[in-house]
């Protein structure tokens, strides 16, 4: 009875198979690729070709497959994907449906179809810049059997006022180490989705996975639950920041709520073994959204997020940070006093 209850807490093959899906593919069933590259896409018409080409340009001595989950786009995304499938029938698989299934189920249906020992990812609006990416990562994981995931650096780009894509930062670990534990991965977004490779057999998806706002962060933590994570200190991919991104349309308060739900759920999943670390992480994330709301002039949202952040910080308030928090409190509730103190300080 206990075993049946445990099984029900995880997604099954039937759950993945229940997601509406058609596949166009000409890949030999006798061929077992070492790596499956998963690409979820929706309305990425202007970016998808570059994303696919960056995968097909990989230079390696082993076989790999690209599985594209096209989630009922309203533009020419599906047409472009199917064109690549016709041109590369032995390597590209396109999975789609007549209705939108959402990001998680789109990801789930291509994850379930992946045959590779290792899984790499690239969303339809990002791309890879290192032609040796999967060769390096697969080789490293083959040599380091205890490691579950191998991440690298990702360059961020955004469009300037003239429409040119410019560099605007790098996504990577806060601290450079040879290995990272689960507790190391909780506080920070160490790796962009396009940068990682992981062992497929390390992952079992809990039922709650369907209901989270993102795929990548819970995936990393589920992986790190089974073993350490490695780091390749090289830029292998590019993350494109643009207004068409899903996260860019969400308000700061909504982002905070979604982040809280994720980490509260993860905390329960890990039976509160990392409770202190997770609560501090929630406080830090909510504080960052509070700061963004304040800078945007949304004082009402900023006030609410301030107290939510502080609630997760209690009873671990530090004297060293209390002064800074009081300054923010003044800025939120007594802006005239805050400005007067700031002006007085600037004159001294």
Protein backbone atom coordinates (compact mmCIF):
# COMPACT_ATOMS: atom_id res chain seq x y z
CA UNK A 1 0.00 0.00 0.00
CA UNK A 2 2.83 2.40 0.91
CA UNK A 3 4.61 1.63 -2.38
CA UNK A 4 1.44 2.40 -4.38
CA UNK A 5 1.05 5.74 -2.60
CA UNK A 6 4.65 6.58 -3.40
CA UNK A 7 4.18 5.73 -7.07
CA UNK A 8 1.14 8.00 -7.29
CA UNK A 9 3.19 10.99 -6.22
CA UNK A 10 5.19 10.86 -9.47
CA UNK A 11 4.22 11.31 -13.09
CA UNK A 12 4.01 8.05 -15.00
CA UNK A 13 4.61 7.14 -18.63
CA UNK A 14 0.83 7.15 -19.04
CA UNK A 15 0.68 10.74 -17.82
CA UNK A 16 3.15 11.82 -20.49
CA UNK A 17 1.42 9.73 -23.15
CA UNK A 18 -1.93 11.35 -22.31
CA UNK A 19 -0.68 14.73 -23.59
CA UNK A 20 -2.01 15.29 -27.15
CA UNK A 21 0.82 14.73 -29.62
CA UNK A 22 1.54 13.87 -33.21
CA UNK A 23 5.05 13.21 -34.43
CA UNK A 24 6.67 13.58 -37.81
CA UNK A 25 9.94 11.70 -37.88
CA UNK A 26 12.00 9.42 -40.08
CA UNK A 27 14.60 8.40 -37.52
CA UNK A 28 15.58 4.75 -37.45
CA UNK A 29 14.25 2.98 -34.38
CA UNK A 30 17.38 0.82 -34.40
CA UNK A 31 19.58 3.85 -33.81
CA UNK A 32 20.13 4.78 -30.17
CA UNK A 33 21.51 8.32 -29.95
CA UNK A 34 23.81 9.15 -27.07
CA UNK A 35 22.24 12.61 -26.70
CA UNK A 36 18.70 13.88 -27.17
CA UNK A 37 18.40 17.63 -27.60
CA UNK A 38 14.99 18.92 -26.55
CA UNK A 39 13.57 22.16 -27.93
CA UNK A 40 10.25 23.62 -26.83
CA UNK A 41 8.91 26.41 -29.02
CA UNK A 42 5.86 28.63 -29.38
CA UNK A 43 5.58 31.65 -31.69
CA UNK A 44 9.33 31.79 -32.32
CA UNK A 45 9.12 32.32 -36.09
CA UNK A 46 11.88 34.95 -36.26
CA UNK A 47 14.30 32.99 -34.03
CA UNK A 48 13.60 29.27 -34.54
CA UNK A 49 15.78 28.72 -37.62
CA UNK A 50 18.88 30.02 -35.84
CA UNK A 51 18.10 27.83 -32.83
CA UNK A 52 17.70 24.67 -34.92
CA UNK A 53 20.78 25.36 -37.05
CA UNK A 54 22.90 25.85 -33.94
CA UNK A 55 21.96 22.32 -32.85
CA UNK A 56 22.47 20.70 -36.24
CA UNK A 57 25.90 22.34 -36.52
CA UNK A 58 27.21 20.38 -33.54
CA UNK A 59 30.45 18.51 -34.24
CA UNK A 60 30.65 15.16 -32.47
CA UNK A 61 31.55 11.54 -33.19
CA UNK A 62 28.36 10.08 -31.74
CA UNK A 63 24.75 10.21 -32.90
CA UNK A 64 22.25 12.66 -31.48
CA UNK A 65 18.64 13.62 -32.15
CA UNK A 66 16.77 16.90 -31.99
CA UNK A 67 13.18 16.66 -30.75
CA UNK A 68 11.16 19.83 -31.25
CA UNK A 69 7.97 20.33 -29.25
CA UNK A 70 5.95 22.86 -31.28
CA UNK A 71 3.09 24.10 -29.12
CA UNK A 72 0.45 25.24 -31.62
CA UNK A 73 2.13 28.50 -32.67
CA UNK A 74 0.10 31.22 -34.35
CA UNK A 75 2.93 32.15 -36.72
CA UNK A 76 5.13 30.13 -39.12
CA UNK A 77 7.08 28.33 -36.39
CA UNK A 78 5.62 24.90 -37.15
CA UNK A 79 6.13 25.32 -40.88
CA UNK A 80 9.81 26.16 -40.34
CA UNK A 81 10.29 23.20 -37.99
CA UNK A 82 8.70 20.77 -40.45
CA UNK A 83 10.90 22.12 -43.22
CA UNK A 84 14.00 21.28 -41.17
CA UNK A 85 12.57 17.83 -40.48
CA UNK A 86 12.27 17.19 -44.21
CA UNK A 87 15.82 18.40 -44.82
CA UNK A 88 17.28 16.38 -41.91
CA UNK A 89 14.95 13.37 -41.62
CA UNK A 90 17.52 11.24 -39.80
CA UNK A 91 18.10 13.73 -37.03
CA UNK A 92 15.04 15.98 -36.48
CA UNK A 93 11.76 14.93 -34.91
CA UNK A 94 8.81 17.33 -34.67
CA UNK A 95 6.09 16.77 -32.06
CA UNK A 96 2.94 18.91 -32.18
CA UNK A 97 -0.82 18.95 -31.61
CA UNK A 98 -3.92 20.79 -32.79
CA UNK A 99 -4.26 22.66 -29.51
CA UNK A 100 -1.90 24.39 -27.14
CA UNK A 101 -0.82 22.09 -24.27
CA UNK A 102 1.32 24.55 -22.28
CA UNK A 103 5.03 24.67 -21.58
CA UNK A 104 5.28 21.82 -19.07
CA UNK A 105 3.23 19.30 -21.01
CA UNK A 106 4.98 20.30 -24.22
CA UNK A 107 8.28 19.61 -22.48
CA UNK A 108 6.94 16.39 -20.96
CA UNK A 109 5.83 14.88 -24.26
CA UNK A 110 9.25 15.36 -25.88
CA UNK A 111 11.10 14.29 -22.72
CA UNK A 112 9.12 11.04 -22.78
CA UNK A 113 10.10 10.45 -26.42
CA UNK A 114 13.81 11.15 -25.90
CA UNK A 115 15.99 8.07 -26.41
CA UNK A 116 19.36 9.52 -25.45
CA UNK A 117 21.34 8.64 -22.36
CA UNK A 118 21.93 12.36 -21.94
CA UNK A 119 19.53 15.28 -22.37
CA UNK A 120 20.42 18.79 -23.53
CA UNK A 121 18.01 21.71 -23.99
CA UNK A 122 17.60 24.78 -26.14
CA UNK A 123 14.37 26.77 -26.36
CA UNK A 124 13.25 28.09 -29.72
CA UNK A 125 14.29 31.68 -29.06
CA UNK A 126 17.82 30.85 -27.80
CA UNK A 127 20.77 29.24 -29.58
CA UNK A 128 24.14 27.56 -29.10
CA UNK A 129 27.46 29.19 -30.01
CA UNK A 130 29.89 26.34 -29.29
CA UNK A 131 29.91 23.63 -31.95
CA UNK A 132 31.60 21.29 -29.49
CA UNK A 133 29.02 21.80 -26.73
CA UNK A 134 27.42 18.37 -26.56
CA UNK A 135 30.70 16.60 -27.37
CA UNK A 136 32.40 18.22 -24.39
CA UNK A 137 29.51 17.70 -22.02
CA UNK A 138 28.77 14.08 -22.97
CA UNK A 139 32.46 13.18 -22.75
CA UNK A 140 32.74 14.77 -19.31
CA UNK A 141 29.65 13.00 -17.98
CA UNK A 142 30.92 9.69 -19.35
CA UNK A 143 34.11 10.18 -17.35
CA UNK A 144 32.37 11.43 -14.19
CA UNK A 145 29.70 8.85 -13.55
CA UNK A 146 28.69 10.17 -10.13
CA UNK A 147 27.72 13.58 -11.52
CA UNK A 148 24.13 14.08 -12.65
CA UNK A 149 24.31 17.39 -14.52
CA UNK A 150 26.97 19.45 -16.29
CA UNK A 151 26.29 23.14 -16.85
CA UNK A 152 28.17 25.93 -18.60
CA UNK A 153 27.99 29.69 -19.15
CA UNK A 154 25.33 31.49 -21.18
CA UNK A 155 25.63 34.93 -22.71
CA UNK A 156 22.60 37.24 -22.42
CA UNK A 157 21.66 39.53 -25.30
CA UNK A 158 18.98 42.15 -25.83
CA UNK A 159 17.95 44.50 -28.62
CA UNK A 160 18.98 48.14 -28.47
CA UNK A 161 16.81 51.01 -29.75
CA UNK A 162 18.10 50.42 -33.29
CA UNK A 163 17.17 46.75 -33.25
CA UNK A 164 20.71 45.38 -32.90
CA UNK A 165 21.35 42.52 -30.50
CA UNK A 166 23.91 43.52 -27.87
CA UNK A 167 25.56 41.63 -25.02
CA UNK A 168 24.17 42.40 -21.59
CA UNK A 169 25.67 39.89 -19.19
CA UNK A 170 26.39 36.24 -18.53
CA UNK A 171 24.38 33.58 -16.70
CA UNK A 172 26.59 31.39 -14.54
CA UNK A 173 27.37 30.32 -10.98
CA UNK A 174 27.97 33.01 -8.37
CA UNK A 175 30.95 31.03 -7.11
CA UNK A 176 33.22 28.95 -9.36
CA UNK A 177 33.61 25.43 -8.01
CA UNK A 178 34.46 21.95 -9.26
CA UNK A 179 31.15 20.62 -7.99
CA UNK A 180 27.85 21.90 -6.68
CA UNK A 181 25.48 20.23 -4.26
CA UNK A 182 21.71 20.55 -4.07
CA UNK A 183 22.07 23.14 -1.33
CA UNK A 184 24.43 25.15 -3.55
CA UNK A 185 21.83 25.28 -6.32
CA UNK A 186 18.88 26.39 -4.20
CA UNK A 187 19.79 30.08 -3.66
CA UNK A 188 20.92 30.98 -7.18
CA UNK A 189 20.02 30.43 -10.82
CA UNK A 190 23.42 28.97 -11.67
CA UNK A 191 22.76 27.72 -15.19
CA UNK A 192 20.55 28.80 -18.06
CA UNK A 193 18.38 26.08 -19.59
CA UNK A 194 20.33 26.18 -22.85
CA UNK A 195 23.65 25.50 -21.12
CA UNK A 196 23.11 22.19 -19.38
CA UNK A 197 23.30 18.47 -20.07
CA UNK A 198 21.97 15.86 -17.65
CA UNK A 199 21.51 12.13 -17.25
CA UNK A 200 17.97 11.21 -18.22
CA UNK A 201 17.75 8.21 -15.89
CA UNK A 202 18.35 10.44 -12.86
CA UNK A 203 14.99 12.18 -13.14
CA UNK A 204 11.56 11.23 -11.84
CA UNK A 205 9.00 13.99 -12.13
CA UNK A 206 6.73 14.57 -9.13
CA UNK A 207 3.07 15.29 -9.84
CA UNK A 208 3.58 18.91 -8.77
CA UNK A 209 5.96 19.47 -11.69
CA UNK A 210 2.98 20.18 -13.99
CA UNK A 211 1.93 23.13 -11.84
CA UNK A 212 5.16 25.12 -11.50
CA UNK A 213 5.84 28.32 -13.46
CA UNK A 214 9.13 27.05 -14.91
CA UNK A 215 10.77 23.82 -16.06
CA UNK A 216 14.46 24.47 -15.53
CA UNK A 217 14.92 25.27 -11.85
CA UNK A 218 12.92 22.31 -10.43
CA UNK A 219 14.61 20.08 -12.99
CA UNK A 220 18.06 21.10 -11.73
CA UNK A 221 17.09 20.47 -8.11
CA UNK A 222 15.57 17.07 -8.89
CA UNK A 223 18.79 16.18 -10.66
CA UNK A 224 21.05 17.46 -7.88
CA UNK A 225 19.01 15.39 -5.42
CA UNK A 226 20.66 12.31 -6.96
CA UNK A 227 24.26 13.54 -7.18
CA UNK A 228 26.68 16.46 -7.60
CA UNK A 229 26.62 18.94 -10.48
CA UNK A 230 29.65 19.95 -12.56
CA UNK A 231 30.57 23.18 -14.32
CA UNK A 232 32.20 23.91 -17.69
CA UNK A 233 33.60 27.49 -17.47
CA UNK A 234 32.94 28.29 -21.13
CA UNK A 235 30.17 30.17 -22.94
CA UNK A 236 28.25 27.60 -24.96
CA UNK A 237 24.86 29.26 -25.54
CA UNK A 238 22.99 32.55 -25.86
CA UNK A 239 19.87 33.60 -23.96
CA UNK A 240 17.78 36.12 -25.85
CA UNK A 241 15.96 38.73 -23.73
CA UNK A 242 12.92 40.06 -25.56
CA UNK A 243 9.38 41.24 -24.91
CA UNK A 244 7.94 38.12 -26.50
CA UNK A 245 9.32 35.98 -23.67
CA UNK A 246 6.74 34.47 -21.30
CA UNK A 247 8.38 35.79 -18.12
CA UNK A 248 8.65 39.34 -19.46
CA UNK A 249 4.85 39.78 -19.44
CA UNK A 250 4.39 38.78 -15.78
CA UNK A 251 4.08 41.44 -13.05
CA UNK A 252 6.55 41.52 -10.15
CA UNK A 253 3.87 40.42 -7.69
CA UNK A 254 2.91 37.49 -9.91
CA UNK A 255 6.57 36.53 -10.26
CA UNK A 256 6.94 36.59 -6.49
CA UNK A 257 3.84 34.40 -5.99
CA UNK A 258 5.02 31.88 -8.57
CA UNK A 259 8.51 31.75 -7.04
CA UNK A 260 7.09 31.27 -3.54
CA UNK A 261 4.88 28.43 -4.75
CA UNK A 262 7.84 26.72 -6.42
CA UNK A 263 10.15 26.86 -3.41
CA UNK A 264 7.46 26.03 -0.86
CA UNK A 265 6.63 22.96 -2.95
CA UNK A 266 10.30 22.03 -3.28
CA UNK A 267 10.70 22.47 0.49
CA UNK A 268 7.88 20.01 1.09
CA UNK A 269 9.30 17.62 -1.53
CA UNK A 270 12.64 17.53 0.29
CA UNK A 271 10.83 17.08 3.63
CA UNK A 272 12.10 20.45 4.87
CA UNK A 273 15.70 19.23 5.07
CA UNK A 274 16.80 22.51 3.48
CA UNK A 275 14.21 24.69 5.20
CA UNK A 276 16.59 27.47 6.32
CA UNK A 277 18.24 27.73 2.91
CA UNK A 278 14.91 27.71 1.06
CA UNK A 279 13.29 30.35 3.28
CA UNK A 280 16.29 32.65 2.88
CA UNK A 281 16.14 32.05 -0.88
CA UNK A 282 12.44 32.98 -1.02
CA UNK A 283 13.14 36.13 0.99
CA UNK A 284 15.95 37.11 -1.39
CA UNK A 285 13.90 36.46 -4.53
CA UNK A 286 10.88 38.40 -3.27
CA UNK A 287 13.17 41.24 -2.17
CA UNK A 288 14.55 41.50 -5.71
CA UNK A 289 11.01 41.80 -7.11
CA UNK A 290 10.24 44.39 -4.44
CA UNK A 291 13.24 46.43 -5.57
CA UNK A 292 12.15 46.21 -9.21
CA UNK A 293 8.62 47.33 -8.30
CA UNK A 294 10.00 50.24 -6.33
CA UNK A 295 12.24 51.36 -9.17
CA UNK A 296 9.27 51.13 -11.55
CA UNK A 297 7.24 53.42 -9.27
CA UNK A 298 4.79 50.72 -8.17
CA UNK A 299 4.98 51.58 -4.47
CA UNK A 300 1.86 49.57 -3.57
CA UNK A 301 3.31 46.29 -4.87
CA UNK A 302 6.71 47.13 -3.41
CA UNK A 303 5.22 47.56 0.07
CA UNK A 304 3.44 44.22 -0.08
CA UNK A 305 6.54 42.42 -1.33
CA UNK A 306 8.69 44.09 1.35
CA UNK A 307 6.67 42.49 4.12
CA UNK A 308 6.48 39.12 2.38
CA UNK A 309 10.26 39.13 2.04
CA UNK A 310 10.70 40.12 5.69
CA UNK A 311 8.30 37.39 6.84
CA UNK A 312 10.54 34.72 5.33
CA UNK A 313 13.56 36.34 6.91
CA UNK A 314 12.18 36.19 10.47
CA UNK A 315 13.53 35.09 12.89
CA UNK A 316 16.89 35.31 11.11
CA UNK A 317 17.17 39.07 10.83
CA UNK A 318 20.78 40.19 11.03
CA UNK A 319 21.92 43.40 12.70
CA UNK A 320 24.36 43.91 9.81
CA UNK A 321 21.50 44.22 7.29
CA UNK A 322 18.86 45.80 9.52
CA UNK A 323 20.04 49.34 8.78
CA UNK A 324 19.65 48.79 5.03
CA UNK A 325 16.19 47.30 5.51
CA UNK A 326 15.14 50.32 7.60
CA UNK A 327 16.32 52.64 4.83
CA UNK A 328 14.13 50.76 2.35
CA UNK A 329 11.24 50.94 4.82
CA UNK A 330 11.61 54.74 4.94
CA UNK A 331 11.72 54.93 1.17
CA UNK A 332 8.51 52.89 0.93
CA UNK A 333 6.44 54.60 3.62
CA UNK A 334 8.09 57.96 4.29
CA UNK A 335 9.65 59.01 0.98
CA UNK A 336 9.97 62.68 2.02
CA UNK A 337 11.97 61.74 5.12
CA UNK A 338 14.06 59.38 3.03
CA UNK A 339 14.83 62.12 0.49
CA UNK A 340 15.66 64.59 3.27
CA UNK A 341 18.11 62.18 4.88
CA UNK A 342 19.68 61.38 1.53
CA UNK A 343 20.10 65.07 0.68
CA UNK A 344 21.58 65.82 4.10
CA UNK A 345 24.03 62.97 3.69
CA UNK A 346 25.09 64.17 0.23
CA UNK A 347 25.92 67.63 1.63
CA UNK A 348 28.21 66.30 4.35
